[in-house]
Amino acid sequence: MNRCAEAAAVAASGPGAGVGSAGLRPPIVPRQSSFFPPPVRNPFVQQTRLGAARRIQIFFLGIILLPIRALLLALILLLAWPFTAISTACCPEKLTHPITGWKRKITQPVLKFLGRAMFFSMGFIVTVKGKIASPVEAPIFVVAPHSTFFDGIACVVAGLPSIVSRYENVQVPLIGSNCFKGILRALQPVLVSRVDPDSRKNTINEIIRRATSGGEWPQILVFPEGTCTNRSCLITFKPGAFIPGVPVQPVLLRYPNKLDTVTWTWQGYTFIQLCVLTWCQPFTKVEVEFMPVQIPNDEEKSDPVLFASRVRNLMAEALRIPVTDHTYEDCRLMISAGQLTLPMEAGLVEFTKISRKLKLDWDGIRKHLDEYAAIASSCKGGRIGIEEFAEYLKLPVSDVLRQLFALFDRNHDGSVDFREYVIGLAVLCNPANTEEIIQVAFKLFDVDEDGFITEEEFATILQASLGVPDLDVSGLFKEIAQGDSVSYEEFKSFALKHPEYAKIFTTYLDLQTCHVFSLPEEVQATPSVVSNKVSPESHEESTSDKKDD
């Protein structure tokens, strides 16, 4: 009998046959604290609940306040337009030089005044704390948390610095064909194009050029989070504002109101709804706090991510809120989850942390989301239970399957969410799905060493490894085989496409190791040289070189 058949016999009849015997199973690896779920579940959702009394109040105040404020806003924007036109006259679409001279001296004071008047007309009462740094002291403002389009008030308070904006925004008419375009261009923005493949590089170069101009250009204001949140935490700061390696001034935004009518997240009120709700309030309080300037050390100058992390931690501490590793990519995954009929929260995986630690890219995680949806879309709450897990694998609920499920179920709540699924595939299954392991697993199934696995051989091995003598594997076998038997290429292709089976297919290696090392030393046999029908060359195999992941 060859060695693989011996292993099967040992697993089926020896002391290791009791698959449920915990004493013979490899120990479960302790959970890494770095993969623990974030302290904030979903920073991209805001649900403002309005009671009957509040609705009545909004209705009656809106009858008076809404038309007045809308007219005042339109009037202020129209007054601003001539000054923005003067400021940007004869300037190219993409500015190559800062606006200076008489244009700046005439237009800037007027636009600052009109900016403050605009927010006052919308009912905002602004409280400013701290000292605003000069362009020489801090060429860049970093503002957080970013939760609404009303955060533009920080730009007004800071003296109309340049902002980083999408190129599409300068094409949006608001009142008149060139009104909004002129106002935005008067801020001398750093424009980002979504259609330009070099946009990110060009934007970074432009920020560096302006930030290191020695005060020639206006200061730059950046929202480093890159997307709106509900202010419950600070998500990952994008490194763009920190790449120049110059001092930055953190700016905190607070909206200390009993009723939140300003938060504009991916799931909540629309732009128009928030404008109406806010303008129907007697007033809306906002605090803008300018923190001390942060100067990067030598290490932070060479590592902008480190600089961004330190500044974020300082701002979070001042705001008394936690930090998480969510990013804009989590929003994209959240939208994708909704399109797959999953709860939108299913897409929240802390993309930056997961992708960095597990070496995964956006396309890879998005592909995993499709696979997860195929299992979980019919489940209540969009989470996978042991029954759905077994049904997907076309295997019965057994001790081995429970142990595999427990490895995925990181918080031991009896279900697996998408975050746990991604981590499980990357940490547990993919490392066990190497070419070498697939070859060894194939040889274990190929009992007669003819280079093919029959359904009988397949059933014998799985029945022993799962501890289910009457296991019906015909459905799973048909998924792998294109005929009456499975070749190595078919087995390899299936294993690579379905890494969840890696731990099942290699259960024999665990059983064999546990059984051999449970025997007296004099009985433990020295590994012998066996032929390899999968790879032409022969090589020595140890009892098991598989590492528990």
Foldseek 3Di string as FASTA:
>chain_A
DDPLVVLLCCLCPNPLLPLLPPLLFDDFDADDPLQPDDPDQFQQADAFDDDPVRVVLLVVLLVPQVVQLVVQLVVLLVVLQVLLCLQCPPADLQHPFARDDPSCVPNQVSVLVSLVVNQVSLFEDEAEADDQDALQQALEEAEDDAFFPVVCVLCSVNRLAAEEEESVQLCDDDDDRRRSNSVNVSSNYQYAYPPDPCRVVSSLVVLLCSSPVNRRGHRYYYHQQQFHTNRQARAQGHLSNQQSQAKYKYKYKDWPDPGDLGGDGPHYDDPVSSSSSSSSDNHTYMYIYTDDIDHDDPVCNVPSSVVRVVVRVVRCVVVVHYYALWGVLLVVQLVVCVVLQAHSSLSTQSVVSCCVVLVDDSVRLSVLSVVLSVQQNPPVNSWAALVSVCVVLVWDDFSLSVVLVVSLVNVPPRTHGSNSVSCCCRPAQPVLLDPVNLLVLVCSLVVVLPQKHAPVSVLSSLCSLRVNVPIDCVVVQVVQDPDRIHGSVSSSVVCVVCSSCSSSSCSSLSSQVSSLVVDPPVPRDAFDWDQRSVDHDTDTDGSHPDDGD
